Amino acid sequence: MYKALYLSPMVPSYNIGATVSFFSDLFGFSIAMNESGYAIVYKDNLSIHILNAGTAIGEMEFYLEVDDIDGLWESIKHKFEEIKVRAPFDREYGMREFHVIIPNTKTLMFVGQAIAR
């Protein structure tokens, strides 16, 4: 049996430049590739592929697990002026999360950290 190493979501965007800026400016991702119609951003051993959205594109969701959700929230919460976001809250399944609608996409990003028990 094979071993899965990474999960790289494919995020459809109506404005690739703005979506790349969202990941690089708010979450510190670096740009691996940014060409017409396609971009890849990465941080540590994670990557996200961003491509042009079509007219019939559906919604997408993905989960980013972090090691310091409250520290991350404090460092970026002032940057969400025109971005739909839900502030950190605790979930019944043992995670603390905040949720963000990624601009110019139909994508919901969950950012979470396991709650110490």
Protein backbone atom coordinates (compact mmCIF):
# COMPACT_ATOMS: atom_id res chain seq x y z
CA MET A 1 0.00 0.00 0.00
CA TYR A 2 1.24 3.52 -0.75
CA LYS A 3 1.76 6.27 1.81
CA ALA A 4 0.06 9.61 1.19
CA LEU A 5 2.50 12.43 1.92
CA TYR A 6 0.62 15.69 1.28
CA LEU A 7 -2.81 16.99 0.47
CA SER A 8 -2.73 19.87 -2.01
CA PRO A 9 -6.16 21.38 -2.54
CA MET A 10 -7.01 22.93 -5.88
CA VAL A 11 -8.72 26.29 -5.27
CA PRO A 12 -10.74 27.82 -8.12
CA SER A 13 -10.44 31.63 -8.18
CA TYR A 14 -12.02 34.49 -10.10
CA ASN A 15 -8.92 36.60 -9.38
CA ILE A 16 -5.75 34.52 -9.03
CA GLY A 17 -3.54 37.47 -8.03
CA ALA A 18 -5.84 38.42 -5.15
CA THR A 19 -6.09 34.80 -4.01
CA VAL A 20 -2.29 34.40 -4.08
CA SER A 21 -2.00 37.63 -2.05
CA PHE A 22 -4.49 36.29 0.48
CA PHE A 23 -2.30 33.26 1.21
CA SER A 24 1.03 35.09 1.07
CA ASP A 25 0.05 38.27 2.97
CA LEU A 26 -2.12 36.75 5.69
CA PHE A 27 -0.70 33.26 6.19
CA GLY A 28 2.92 33.67 5.09
CA PHE A 29 2.84 31.26 2.12
CA SER A 30 5.59 31.66 -0.47
CA ILE A 31 4.91 31.68 -4.20
CA ALA A 32 6.31 28.67 -6.03
CA MET A 33 4.69 29.52 -9.36
CA ASN A 34 2.45 32.33 -10.58
CA GLU A 35 1.65 32.12 -14.27
CA SER A 36 -1.35 33.13 -16.28
CA GLY A 37 -4.25 31.02 -15.08
CA TYR A 38 -2.33 28.97 -12.48
CA ALA A 39 -0.38 29.53 -9.28
CA ILE A 40 1.11 27.41 -6.50
CA VAL A 41 1.81 28.70 -3.00
CA TYR A 42 3.58 26.78 -0.24
CA LYS A 43 4.49 26.91 3.43
CA ASP A 44 6.61 24.33 5.21
CA ASN A 45 5.60 21.04 3.52
CA LEU A 46 2.15 22.22 2.39
CA SER A 47 1.06 23.52 -1.01
CA ILE A 48 -2.10 25.02 -2.47
CA HIS A 49 -2.78 25.14 -6.22
CA ILE A 50 -4.86 28.08 -7.47
CA LEU A 51 -6.51 27.95 -10.88
CA ASN A 52 -9.02 29.96 -12.90
CA ALA A 53 -12.62 29.36 -11.86
CA GLY A 54 -15.13 28.50 -14.54
CA THR A 55 -18.76 29.59 -14.65
CA ALA A 56 -20.03 26.24 -13.32
CA ILE A 57 -17.48 25.85 -10.55
CA GLY A 58 -18.79 24.60 -7.20
CA GLU A 59 -17.83 25.39 -3.66
CA MET A 60 -14.75 23.94 -2.00
CA GLU A 61 -13.63 23.56 1.59
CA PHE A 62 -10.35 22.57 3.18
CA TYR A 63 -8.74 22.42 6.59
CA LEU A 64 -5.46 23.97 7.68
CA GLU A 65 -4.26 22.65 11.03
CA VAL A 66 -1.87 24.95 12.91
CA ASP A 67 0.04 24.80 16.19
CA ASP A 68 -0.96 28.24 17.58
CA ILE A 69 -4.40 29.30 16.40
CA ASP A 70 -4.83 32.13 18.91
CA GLY A 71 -1.43 33.62 18.09
CA LEU A 72 -2.20 33.40 14.36
CA TRP A 73 -5.62 34.99 14.88
CA GLU A 74 -4.15 37.86 16.90
CA SER A 75 -1.55 38.55 14.21
CA ILE A 76 -4.01 38.68 11.28
CA LYS A 77 -7.50 39.55 12.60
CA HIS A 78 -7.06 43.23 11.69
CA LYS A 79 -6.55 42.24 8.02
CA PHE A 80 -10.06 40.82 7.59
CA GLU A 81 -11.80 44.16 6.93
CA GLU A 82 -13.54 43.07 3.72
CA ILE A 83 -13.18 39.31 4.16
CA LYS A 84 -15.96 37.18 5.63
CA VAL A 85 -14.56 35.41 8.70
CA ARG A 86 -15.79 33.72 11.87
CA ALA A 87 -13.58 34.38 14.92
CA PRO A 88 -12.03 31.45 16.84
CA PHE A 89 -14.40 29.16 18.72
CA ASP A 90 -14.20 25.69 20.28
CA ARG A 91 -15.81 22.72 18.54
CA GLU A 92 -17.38 19.68 20.15
CA TYR A 93 -14.92 17.41 18.34
CA GLY A 94 -11.91 18.83 20.19
CA MET A 95 -10.70 21.55 17.82
CA ARG A 96 -10.49 25.32 18.16
CA GLU A 97 -11.20 26.92 14.78
CA PHE A 98 -11.79 30.05 12.79
CA HIS A 99 -13.41 30.06 9.36
CA VAL A 100 -12.59 32.27 6.37
CA ILE A 101 -14.25 32.68 2.97
CA ILE A 102 -11.29 33.05 0.59
CA PRO A 103 -11.80 36.21 -1.50
CA ASN A 104 -12.81 35.83 -5.16
CA THR A 105 -13.57 32.12 -4.72
CA LYS A 106 -16.32 29.84 -3.48
CA THR A 107 -13.97 28.30 -0.92
CA LEU A 108 -14.36 28.01 2.85
CA MET A 109 -11.09 27.66 4.74
CA PHE A 110 -11.14 26.07 8.19
CA VAL A 111 -8.12 26.93 10.37
CA GLY A 112 -7.87 24.80 13.48
CA GLN A 113 -5.82 23.50 16.37
CA ALA A 114 -6.44 20.54 18.64
CA ILE A 115 -7.62 21.62 22.08
CA ALA A 116 -5.31 20.34 24.81
CA ARG A 117 -7.08 17.82 27.00
